[in-house]
């Protein structure tokens, strides 16, 4: 990998993190001048990062208008949830045979749940959302495959775009804090089959919930 490619990938990851934290919301126009200055990079380097983000579906280029954070649509929902359900259930299945990775991931899940619960109690919805992403990334980490975790980070950022597009962010996020806690309890108890079943129900509920909360247009 050349240095230029490595820099553009790192920059794309930094912008992805800003989306995940809720700092860049759906439909936000990404000003080359302002963002390049904020991140301390050249506009050419930023354009390369934009190409990476467009490939990952996180931003859209509209000719003669610029680059925008992707506006999540109902068409995105099915593919997103099919991916997440397959990956997270498979990761939980793999965790049965990877005790060291399981313990490390459980620590991350526990911290993410506690952070989300504390934020939920005071109505800090951006932190609730980013804690949720961290929790589910830790589930993917159970597989012990670095490339898979890197891809999942992008998918979770896309999911965050979808959640931020809902018209009732508070209601949408709150219920998932305790649902994450239930997943954590199953995994701590090493009740893997129950965890798999619960994650399947979780995603089916979440998929329907997102459909209902996304604006029609």
C-alpha atoms as a PDB file:
ATOM      1  CA  UNK A   1       0.000   0.000   0.000  1.00  0.00           C
ATOM      2  CA  UNK A   2       1.416   3.395  -0.994  1.00  0.00           C
ATOM      3  CA  UNK A   3       1.592   6.215   1.534  1.00  0.00           C
ATOM      4  CA  UNK A   4      -0.975   8.251  -0.444  1.00  0.00           C
ATOM      5  CA  UNK A   5      -3.505   5.400  -0.320  1.00  0.00           C
ATOM      6  CA  UNK A   6      -2.863   4.838   3.386  1.00  0.00           C
ATOM      7  CA  UNK A   7      -3.437   8.547   4.099  1.00  0.00           C
ATOM      8  CA  UNK A   8      -6.712   8.628   2.140  1.00  0.00           C
ATOM      9  CA  UNK A   9      -7.963   5.489   3.913  1.00  0.00           C
ATOM     10  CA  UNK A  10      -7.073   6.938   7.302  1.00  0.00           C
ATOM     11  CA  UNK A  11      -8.825  10.186   6.421  1.00  0.00           C
ATOM     12  CA  UNK A  12     -11.912   8.278   5.255  1.00  0.00           C
ATOM     13  CA  UNK A  13     -11.921   6.460   8.606  1.00  0.00           C
ATOM     14  CA  UNK A  14     -11.766   9.795  10.456  1.00  0.00           C
ATOM     15  CA  UNK A  15     -14.745  11.125   8.513  1.00  0.00           C
ATOM     16  CA  UNK A  16     -16.594   7.836   9.096  1.00  0.00           C
ATOM     17  CA  UNK A  17     -16.030   8.303  12.831  1.00  0.00           C
ATOM     18  CA  UNK A  18     -17.528  11.806  12.616  1.00  0.00           C
ATOM     19  CA  UNK A  19     -20.629  10.301  10.996  1.00  0.00           C
ATOM     20  CA  UNK A  20     -20.824   7.624  13.672  1.00  0.00           C
ATOM     21  CA  UNK A  21     -20.607  10.252  16.419  1.00  0.00           C
ATOM     22  CA  UNK A  22     -23.476  12.158  14.838  1.00  0.00           C
ATOM     23  CA  UNK A  23     -21.307  15.175  13.949  1.00  0.00           C
ATOM     24  CA  UNK A  24     -22.163  14.822  10.246  1.00  0.00           C
ATOM     25  CA  UNK A  25     -25.847  14.185   9.662  1.00  0.00           C
ATOM     26  CA  UNK A  26     -27.734  12.822   6.618  1.00  0.00           C
ATOM     27  CA  UNK A  27     -27.800  15.236   3.698  1.00  0.00           C
ATOM     28  CA  UNK A  28     -25.023  17.459   5.094  1.00  0.00           C
ATOM     29  CA  UNK A  29     -22.960  19.036   2.329  1.00  0.00           C
ATOM     30  CA  UNK A  30     -19.260  18.378   2.899  1.00  0.00           C
ATOM     31  CA  UNK A  31     -17.405  21.567   2.031  1.00  0.00           C
ATOM     32  CA  UNK A  32     -13.974  20.716   0.650  1.00  0.00           C
ATOM     33  CA  UNK A  33     -12.443  23.945   1.896  1.00  0.00           C
ATOM     34  CA  UNK A  34     -13.869  23.824   5.420  1.00  0.00           C
ATOM     35  CA  UNK A  35     -13.334  20.085   5.957  1.00  0.00           C
ATOM     36  CA  UNK A  36      -9.783  20.094   4.549  1.00  0.00           C
ATOM     37  CA  UNK A  37      -8.909  22.951   6.917  1.00  0.00           C
ATOM     38  CA  UNK A  38     -10.573  21.252   9.898  1.00  0.00           C
ATOM     39  CA  UNK A  39      -8.793  17.946   9.297  1.00  0.00           C
ATOM     40  CA  UNK A  40      -5.459  19.497   8.321  1.00  0.00           C
ATOM     41  CA  UNK A  41      -5.211  17.900   4.859  1.00  0.00           C
ATOM     42  CA  UNK A  42      -5.039  19.061   1.254  1.00  0.00           C
ATOM     43  CA  UNK A  43      -8.181  19.207  -0.871  1.00  0.00           C
ATOM     44  CA  UNK A  44      -6.680  16.605  -3.213  1.00  0.00           C
ATOM     45  CA  UNK A  45      -6.222  14.182  -0.309  1.00  0.00           C
ATOM     46  CA  UNK A  46      -9.763  14.914   0.845  1.00  0.00           C
ATOM     47  CA  UNK A  47     -11.125  14.126  -2.628  1.00  0.00           C
ATOM     48  CA  UNK A  48      -9.410  10.735  -2.501  1.00  0.00           C
ATOM     49  CA  UNK A  49     -11.056  10.087   0.872  1.00  0.00           C
ATOM     50  CA  UNK A  50     -14.415  11.094  -0.612  1.00  0.00           C
ATOM     51  CA  UNK A  51     -13.940   8.434  -3.320  1.00  0.00           C
ATOM     52  CA  UNK A  52     -13.420   5.814  -0.600  1.00  0.00           C
ATOM     53  CA  UNK A  53     -16.523   7.003   1.256  1.00  0.00           C
ATOM     54  CA  UNK A  54     -18.592   6.975  -1.957  1.00  0.00           C
ATOM     55  CA  UNK A  55     -17.490   3.391  -2.585  1.00  0.00           C
ATOM     56  CA  UNK A  56     -18.641   2.482   0.926  1.00  0.00           C
ATOM     57  CA  UNK A  57     -22.001   4.177   0.402  1.00  0.00           C
ATOM     58  CA  UNK A  58     -21.453   6.771   3.151  1.00  0.00           C
ATOM     59  CA  UNK A  59     -21.452   9.860   0.945  1.00  0.00           C
ATOM     60  CA  UNK A  60     -23.061  10.773  -2.378  1.00  0.00           C
ATOM     61  CA  UNK A  61     -21.612  12.953  -5.128  1.00  0.00           C
ATOM     62  CA  UNK A  62     -24.199  15.106  -6.867  1.00  0.00           C
ATOM     63  CA  UNK A  63     -22.822  16.677 -10.082  1.00  0.00           C
ATOM     64  CA  UNK A  64     -22.557  20.479  -9.957  1.00  0.00           C
ATOM     65  CA  UNK A  65     -23.620  20.489  -6.304  1.00  0.00           C
ATOM     66  CA  UNK A  66     -20.938  18.664  -4.329  1.00  0.00           C
ATOM     67  CA  UNK A  67     -20.502  15.773  -1.883  1.00  0.00           C
ATOM     68  CA  UNK A  68     -23.149  15.044   0.739  1.00  0.00           C
ATOM     69  CA  UNK A  69     -23.512  12.612   3.628  1.00  0.00           C
ATOM     70  CA  UNK A  70     -25.674   9.805   2.290  1.00  0.00           C
ATOM     71  CA  UNK A  71     -29.409  10.253   2.754  1.00  0.00           C
ATOM     72  CA  UNK A  72     -30.648   6.897   4.018  1.00  0.00           C
ATOM     73  CA  UNK A  73     -33.667   5.480   2.199  1.00  0.00           C
ATOM     74  CA  UNK A  74     -36.007   2.561   2.735  1.00  0.00           C
ATOM     75  CA  UNK A  75     -34.182   0.757  -0.087  1.00  0.00           C
ATOM     76  CA  UNK A  76     -31.059   0.668   2.115  1.00  0.00           C
ATOM     77  CA  UNK A  77     -32.788  -1.048   5.022  1.00  0.00           C
ATOM     78  CA  UNK A  78     -33.162  -4.641   3.795  1.00  0.00           C
ATOM     79  CA  UNK A  79     -29.570  -5.015   2.626  1.00  0.00           C
ATOM     80  CA  UNK A  80     -28.203  -3.394   5.777  1.00  0.00           C
ATOM     81  CA  UNK A  81     -30.121  -5.650   8.143  1.00  0.00           C
ATOM     82  CA  UNK A  82     -29.466  -8.823   6.146  1.00  0.00           C
ATOM     83  CA  UNK A  83     -25.733  -8.077   6.421  1.00  0.00           C
ATOM     84  CA  UNK A  84     -25.820  -7.225  10.126  1.00  0.00           C
ATOM     85  CA  UNK A  85     -27.893 -10.246  11.104  1.00  0.00           C
ATOM     86  CA  UNK A  86     -25.683 -12.665   9.174  1.00  0.00           C
ATOM     87  CA  UNK A  87     -22.408 -11.194  10.465  1.00  0.00           C
ATOM     88  CA  UNK A  88     -23.329 -10.806  14.133  1.00  0.00           C
ATOM     89  CA  UNK A  89     -24.971 -14.214  14.481  1.00  0.00           C
ATOM     90  CA  UNK A  90     -21.963 -15.812  12.760  1.00  0.00           C
ATOM     91  CA  UNK A  91     -19.600 -13.932  15.091  1.00  0.00           C
ATOM     92  CA  UNK A  92     -21.484 -15.151  18.165  1.00  0.00           C
ATOM     93  CA  UNK A  93     -21.302 -18.697  16.834  1.00  0.00           C
ATOM     94  CA  UNK A  94     -17.535 -18.332  16.385  1.00  0.00           C
ATOM     95  CA  UNK A  95     -17.148 -17.046  19.959  1.00  0.00           C
ATOM     96  CA  UNK A  96     -17.914 -20.491  21.392  1.00  0.00           C
ATOM     97  CA  UNK A  97     -14.374 -21.543  20.476  1.00  0.00           C
ATOM     98  CA  UNK A  98     -12.500 -18.304  21.167  1.00  0.00           C
ATOM     99  CA  UNK A  99     -12.588 -17.734  24.910  1.00  0.00           C
ATOM    100  CA  UNK A 100      -9.805 -15.119  24.990  1.00  0.00           C
ATOM    101  CA  UNK A 101     -11.453 -13.021  22.276  1.00  0.00           C
ATOM    102  CA  UNK A 102     -14.823 -13.477  23.987  1.00  0.00           C
ATOM    103  CA  UNK A 103     -13.580 -12.045  27.276  1.00  0.00           C
ATOM    104  CA  UNK A 104     -11.974  -9.040  25.572  1.00  0.00           C
ATOM    105  CA  UNK A 105     -15.116  -8.321  23.540  1.00  0.00           C
ATOM    106  CA  UNK A 106     -17.322  -8.691  26.616  1.00  0.00           C
ATOM    107  CA  UNK A 107     -15.308  -5.970  28.351  1.00  0.00           C
ATOM    108  CA  UNK A 108     -15.889  -3.675  25.361  1.00  0.00           C
ATOM    109  CA  UNK A 109     -19.594  -4.544  25.239  1.00  0.00           C
ATOM    110  CA  UNK A 110     -19.985  -3.909  28.950  1.00  0.00           C
ATOM    111  CA  UNK A 111     -18.305  -0.492  28.684  1.00  0.00           C
ATOM    112  CA  UNK A 112     -20.428   0.429  25.641  1.00  0.00           C
ATOM    113  CA  UNK A 113     -23.641  -0.651  27.366  1.00  0.00           C
ATOM    114  CA  UNK A 114     -22.821   1.318  30.526  1.00  0.00           C
ATOM    115  CA  UNK A 115     -21.925   4.408  28.486  1.00  0.00           C
ATOM    116  CA  UNK A 116     -25.142   4.106  26.503  1.00  0.00           C
ATOM    117  CA  UNK A 117     -27.251   3.592  29.631  1.00  0.00           C
ATOM    118  CA  UNK A 118     -25.740   6.651  31.328  1.00  0.00           C
ATOM    119  CA  UNK A 119     -26.296   8.773  28.215  1.00  0.00           C
ATOM    120  CA  UNK A 120     -29.841   7.467  27.842  1.00  0.00           C
ATOM    121  CA  UNK A 121     -30.640   8.561  31.400  1.00  0.00           C
ATOM    122  CA  UNK A 122     -29.775  12.188  30.592  1.00  0.00           C
ATOM    123  CA  UNK A 123     -31.082  12.309  27.028  1.00  0.00           C
ATOM    124  CA  UNK A 124     -27.678  12.449  25.312  1.00  0.00           C
ATOM    125  CA  UNK A 125     -28.885  10.718  22.152  1.00  0.00           C
ATOM    126  CA  UNK A 126     -25.719  11.125  20.098  1.00  0.00           C
ATOM    127  CA  UNK A 127     -23.746   9.256  22.749  1.00  0.00           C
ATOM    128  CA  UNK A 128     -26.474   6.615  22.984  1.00  0.00           C
ATOM    129  CA  UNK A 129     -26.154   6.075  19.237  1.00  0.00           C
ATOM    130  CA  UNK A 130     -22.359   5.913  19.164  1.00  0.00           C
ATOM    131  CA  UNK A 131     -22.348   3.567  22.183  1.00  0.00           C
ATOM    132  CA  UNK A 132     -24.767   1.320  20.329  1.00  0.00           C
ATOM    133  CA  UNK A 133     -22.373   1.200  17.365  1.00  0.00           C
ATOM    134  CA  UNK A 134     -19.480   0.334  19.686  1.00  0.00           C
ATOM    135  CA  UNK A 135     -21.514  -2.434  21.303  1.00  0.00           C
ATOM    136  CA  UNK A 136     -22.362  -4.078  17.997  1.00  0.00           C
ATOM    137  CA  UNK A 137     -18.851  -3.680  16.637  1.00  0.00           C
ATOM    138  CA  UNK A 138     -17.657  -5.613  19.697  1.00  0.00           C
ATOM    139  CA  UNK A 139     -20.045  -8.413  18.712  1.00  0.00           C
ATOM    140  CA  UNK A 140     -18.474  -8.528  15.244  1.00  0.00           C
ATOM    141  CA  UNK A 141     -15.035  -8.568  16.908  1.00  0.00           C
ATOM    142  CA  UNK A 142     -15.981 -11.942  18.424  1.00  0.00           C
ATOM    143  CA  UNK A 143     -15.120 -13.483  15.057  1.00  0.00           C
ATOM    144  CA  UNK A 144     -11.496 -12.421  15.503  1.00  0.00           C
ATOM    145  CA  UNK A 145     -11.193 -11.250  11.871  1.00  0.00           C
ATOM    146  CA  UNK A 146      -9.707  -7.758  11.569  1.00  0.00           C
ATOM    147  CA  UNK A 147     -10.865  -7.193   7.983  1.00  0.00           C
ATOM    148  CA  UNK A 148     -14.423  -8.132   8.918  1.00  0.00           C
ATOM    149  CA  UNK A 149     -14.400  -5.707  11.825  1.00  0.00           C
ATOM    150  CA  UNK A 150     -13.087  -2.923   9.552  1.00  0.00           C
ATOM    151  CA  UNK A 151     -15.916  -3.539   7.070  1.00  0.00           C
ATOM    152  CA  UNK A 152     -18.480  -3.714   9.869  1.00  0.00           C
ATOM    153  CA  UNK A 153     -17.355  -0.316  11.164  1.00  0.00           C
ATOM    154  CA  UNK A 154     -18.399   1.209   7.822  1.00  0.00           C
ATOM    155  CA  UNK A 155     -21.724  -0.627   7.842  1.00  0.00           C
ATOM    156  CA  UNK A 156     -22.442   0.559  11.383  1.00  0.00           C
ATOM    157  CA  UNK A 157     -21.718   4.137  10.302  1.00  0.00           C
ATOM    158  CA  UNK A 158     -24.257   3.647   7.503  1.00  0.00           C
ATOM    159  CA  UNK A 159     -26.723   2.366  10.086  1.00  0.00           C
ATOM    160  CA  UNK A 160     -26.105   5.500  12.136  1.00  0.00           C
ATOM    161  CA  UNK A 161     -27.063   7.585   9.111  1.00  0.00           C
ATOM    162  CA  UNK A 162     -30.320   5.644   8.991  1.00  0.00           C
ATOM    163  CA  UNK A 163     -30.995   6.146  12.686  1.00  0.00           C
ATOM    164  CA  UNK A 164     -30.269   9.883  12.426  1.00  0.00           C
ATOM    165  CA  UNK A 165     -32.763  10.139   9.568  1.00  0.00           C
ATOM    166  CA  UNK A 166     -35.656   9.017  11.778  1.00  0.00           C
ATOM    167  CA  UNK A 167     -38.105  11.646  12.872  1.00  0.00           C
ATOM    168  CA  UNK A 168     -38.086  10.520  16.518  1.00  0.00           C
ATOM    169  CA  UNK A 169     -34.472   9.839  17.447  1.00  0.00           C
ATOM    170  CA  UNK A 170     -35.151   9.692  21.188  1.00  0.00           C
ATOM    171  CA  UNK A 171     -37.822   7.008  20.997  1.00  0.00           C
ATOM    172  CA  UNK A 172     -35.858   5.059  18.420  1.00  0.00           C
ATOM    173  CA  UNK A 173     -32.669   4.755  20.450  1.00  0.00           C
ATOM    174  CA  UNK A 174     -33.871   4.260  24.013  1.00  0.00           C
ATOM    175  CA  UNK A 175     -35.259   0.746  23.763  1.00  0.00           C
ATOM    176  CA  UNK A 176     -32.050  -0.676  22.300  1.00  0.00           C
ATOM    177  CA  UNK A 177     -29.974   0.147  25.369  1.00  0.00           C
ATOM    178  CA  UNK A 178     -31.672  -2.564  27.419  1.00  0.00           C
ATOM    179  CA  UNK A 179     -31.887  -4.902  24.443  1.00  0.00           C
ATOM    180  CA  UNK A 180     -28.108  -4.680  24.176  1.00  0.00           C
ATOM    181  CA  UNK A 181     -27.926  -5.461  27.887  1.00  0.00           C
ATOM    182  CA  UNK A 182     -29.861  -8.680  27.305  1.00  0.00           C
ATOM    183  CA  UNK A 183     -27.418  -9.740  24.583  1.00  0.00           C
ATOM    184  CA  UNK A 184     -24.565  -9.024  26.984  1.00  0.00           C
ATOM    185  CA  UNK A 185     -26.152 -11.133  29.727  1.00  0.00           C
ATOM    186  CA  UNK A 186     -26.580 -14.110  27.391  1.00  0.00           C
ATOM    187  CA  UNK A 187     -22.948 -13.909  26.281  1.00  0.00           C
ATOM    188  CA  UNK A 188     -21.604 -13.499  29.812  1.00  0.00           C
ATOM    189  CA  UNK A 189     -23.513 -16.661  30.740  1.00  0.00           C
ATOM    190  CA  UNK A 190     -22.149 -18.343  27.571  1.00  0.00           C
ATOM    191  CA  UNK A 191     -25.715 -19.048  26.458  1.00  0.00           C
ATOM    192  CA  UNK A 192     -24.701 -18.725  22.821  1.00  0.00           C
ATOM    193  CA  UNK A 193     -27.764 -20.328  21.267  1.00  0.00           C
ATOM    194  CA  UNK A 194     -30.056 -18.002  23.225  1.00  0.00           C
ATOM    195  CA  UNK A 195     -27.895 -15.045  22.221  1.00  0.00           C
ATOM    196  CA  UNK A 196     -28.193 -15.991  18.548  1.00  0.00           C
ATOM    197  CA  UNK A 197     -31.970 -16.300  18.783  1.00  0.00           C
ATOM    198  CA  UNK A 198     -32.243 -13.003  20.606  1.00  0.00           C
ATOM    199  CA  UNK A 199     -30.046 -11.159  18.076  1.00  0.00           C
ATOM    200  CA  UNK A 200     -32.238 -12.493  15.264  1.00  0.00           C
ATOM    201  CA  UNK A 201     -35.361 -11.147  17.001  1.00  0.00           C
ATOM    202  CA  UNK A 202     -33.522  -7.919  17.824  1.00  0.00           C
ATOM    203  CA  UNK A 203     -32.683  -7.208  14.200  1.00  0.00           C
ATOM    204  CA  UNK A 204     -36.120  -8.135  12.938  1.00  0.00           C
ATOM    205  CA  UNK A 205     -37.657  -5.722  15.452  1.00  0.00           C
ATOM    206  CA  UNK A 206     -35.092  -3.016  14.643  1.00  0.00           C
ATOM    207  CA  UNK A 207     -35.628  -3.411  10.889  1.00  0.00           C
ATOM    208  CA  UNK A 208     -39.379  -2.913  11.244  1.00  0.00           C
ATOM    209  CA  UNK A 209     -38.814  -0.047  13.668  1.00  0.00           C
ATOM    210  CA  UNK A 210     -36.512   1.769  11.249  1.00  0.00           C
ATOM    211  CA  UNK A 211     -39.006   1.327   8.402  1.00  0.00           C
ATOM    212  CA  UNK A 212     -41.723   2.865  10.527  1.00  0.00           C
ATOM    213  CA  UNK A 213     -39.629   5.820  11.670  1.00  0.00           C
ATOM    214  CA  UNK A 214     -37.975   6.759   8.363  1.00  0.00           C
ATOM    215  CA  UNK A 215     -39.705   9.678   6.620  1.00  0.00           C
ATOM    216  CA  UNK A 216     -41.666   8.603   3.540  1.00  0.00           C
ATOM    217  CA  UNK A 217     -39.531  10.794   1.280  1.00  0.00           C
END
